[in-house]
Amino acid sequence: MVWHFRFGYGAFTLLAFRLLWGLVGGAALVLGAAVAWLVRVPPKIVAGIMAFGAGVLISSTTSTAACGT
């Protein structure tokens, strides 16, 4: 689905939608940092989370390059 809003209520809705998801992503980052600061996380768990994140990043980059969006 392509989002093309220029004027009126639709543009505000899209802006609010993007701001909301930006806040959710930022809150997840802060929450993860707080957990890592307060709780001793084993290195194998950290390695698994980082490997998953690297896989997601590579997958999204590949699909973006393939689809052109």
C-alpha atoms as a PDB file:
ATOM      1  CA  MET A   1       0.000   0.000   0.000  1.00  0.00           C
ATOM      2  CA  VAL A   2       1.366   3.414  -0.945  1.00  0.00           C
ATOM      3  CA  TRP A   3       0.666   6.363   1.323  1.00  0.00           C
ATOM      4  CA  HIS A   4       0.126   9.602  -0.589  1.00  0.00           C
ATOM      5  CA  PHE A   5      -1.507  12.308   1.475  1.00  0.00           C
ATOM      6  CA  ARG A   6      -0.952  15.951   0.636  1.00  0.00           C
ATOM      7  CA  PHE A   7      -3.514  18.106   2.377  1.00  0.00           C
ATOM      8  CA  GLY A   8      -6.206  17.918   4.994  1.00  0.00           C
ATOM      9  CA  TYR A   9      -7.038  15.321   7.597  1.00  0.00           C
ATOM     10  CA  GLY A  10      -5.175  12.467   5.869  1.00  0.00           C
ATOM     11  CA  ALA A  11      -1.802  14.203   6.167  1.00  0.00           C
ATOM     12  CA  PHE A  12      -2.285  14.719   9.902  1.00  0.00           C
ATOM     13  CA  THR A  13      -3.335  11.094  10.374  1.00  0.00           C
ATOM     14  CA  LEU A  14      -0.230   9.853   8.578  1.00  0.00           C
ATOM     15  CA  LEU A  15       1.999  12.150  10.630  1.00  0.00           C
ATOM     16  CA  ALA A  16       0.420  10.953  13.883  1.00  0.00           C
ATOM     17  CA  PHE A  17       0.796   7.337  12.763  1.00  0.00           C
ATOM     18  CA  ARG A  18       4.494   7.808  12.029  1.00  0.00           C
ATOM     19  CA  LEU A  19       5.105   9.653  15.291  1.00  0.00           C
ATOM     20  CA  LEU A  20       3.356   6.911  17.250  1.00  0.00           C
ATOM     21  CA  TRP A  21       5.505   4.157  15.733  1.00  0.00           C
ATOM     22  CA  GLY A  22       8.617   6.278  16.255  1.00  0.00           C
ATOM     23  CA  LEU A  23       7.754   6.575  19.939  1.00  0.00           C
ATOM     24  CA  VAL A  24       7.132   2.820  20.178  1.00  0.00           C
ATOM     25  CA  GLY A  25      10.524   2.097  18.619  1.00  0.00           C
ATOM     26  CA  GLY A  26      12.271   4.606  20.846  1.00  0.00           C
ATOM     27  CA  ALA A  27      10.571   3.261  23.959  1.00  0.00           C
ATOM     28  CA  ALA A  28      11.661  -0.277  23.053  1.00  0.00           C
ATOM     29  CA  LEU A  29      15.257   0.920  22.781  1.00  0.00           C
ATOM     30  CA  VAL A  30      15.141   2.653  26.166  1.00  0.00           C
ATOM     31  CA  LEU A  31      13.419  -0.333  27.789  1.00  0.00           C
ATOM     32  CA  GLY A  32      16.038  -2.727  26.388  1.00  0.00           C
ATOM     33  CA  ALA A  33      18.846  -0.509  27.660  1.00  0.00           C
ATOM     34  CA  ALA A  34      17.267  -0.362  31.129  1.00  0.00           C
ATOM     35  CA  VAL A  35      16.913  -4.149  31.283  1.00  0.00           C
ATOM     36  CA  ALA A  36      20.526  -4.616  30.178  1.00  0.00           C
ATOM     37  CA  TRP A  37      21.669  -2.091  32.793  1.00  0.00           C
ATOM     38  CA  LEU A  38      19.761  -3.691  35.677  1.00  0.00           C
ATOM     39  CA  VAL A  39      19.882  -7.414  34.850  1.00  0.00           C
ATOM     40  CA  ARG A  40      22.899  -9.597  34.174  1.00  0.00           C
ATOM     41  CA  VAL A  41      22.244 -11.049  30.727  1.00  0.00           C
ATOM     42  CA  PRO A  42      24.310 -14.119  29.745  1.00  0.00           C
ATOM     43  CA  PRO A  43      26.585 -13.640  26.717  1.00  0.00           C
ATOM     44  CA  LYS A  44      24.829 -16.414  24.763  1.00  0.00           C
ATOM     45  CA  ILE A  45      21.502 -14.604  25.070  1.00  0.00           C
ATOM     46  CA  VAL A  46      23.100 -11.344  23.920  1.00  0.00           C
ATOM     47  CA  ALA A  47      24.709 -13.146  20.975  1.00  0.00           C
ATOM     48  CA  GLY A  48      21.371 -14.699  19.987  1.00  0.00           C
ATOM     49  CA  ILE A  49      19.556 -11.372  20.098  1.00  0.00           C
ATOM     50  CA  MET A  50      22.298  -9.686  18.072  1.00  0.00           C
ATOM     51  CA  ALA A  51      22.291 -12.489  15.496  1.00  0.00           C
ATOM     52  CA  PHE A  52      18.525 -12.189  15.130  1.00  0.00           C
ATOM     53  CA  GLY A  53      18.800  -8.420  14.704  1.00  0.00           C
ATOM     54  CA  ALA A  54      21.531  -8.814  12.079  1.00  0.00           C
ATOM     55  CA  GLY A  55      19.361 -11.303  10.180  1.00  0.00           C
ATOM     56  CA  VAL A  56      16.386  -8.947  10.233  1.00  0.00           C
ATOM     57  CA  LEU A  57      18.574  -6.070   9.012  1.00  0.00           C
ATOM     58  CA  ILE A  58      20.022  -8.122   6.156  1.00  0.00           C
ATOM     59  CA  SER A  59      16.569  -9.398   5.202  1.00  0.00           C
ATOM     60  CA  SER A  60      15.004  -5.935   5.133  1.00  0.00           C
ATOM     61  CA  THR A  61      17.909  -4.513   3.147  1.00  0.00           C
ATOM     62  CA  THR A  62      17.693  -7.341   0.616  1.00  0.00           C
ATOM     63  CA  SER A  63      13.935  -7.030   0.198  1.00  0.00           C
ATOM     64  CA  THR A  64      14.219  -3.258  -0.169  1.00  0.00           C
ATOM     65  CA  ALA A  65      16.896  -3.650  -2.852  1.00  0.00           C
ATOM     66  CA  ALA A  66      14.894  -6.318  -4.667  1.00  0.00           C
ATOM     67  CA  CYS A  67      11.538  -4.501  -4.570  1.00  0.00           C
ATOM     68  CA  GLY A  68      12.882  -1.004  -5.067  1.00  0.00           C
ATOM     69  CA  THR A  69      10.821   0.656  -2.332  1.00  0.00           C
END
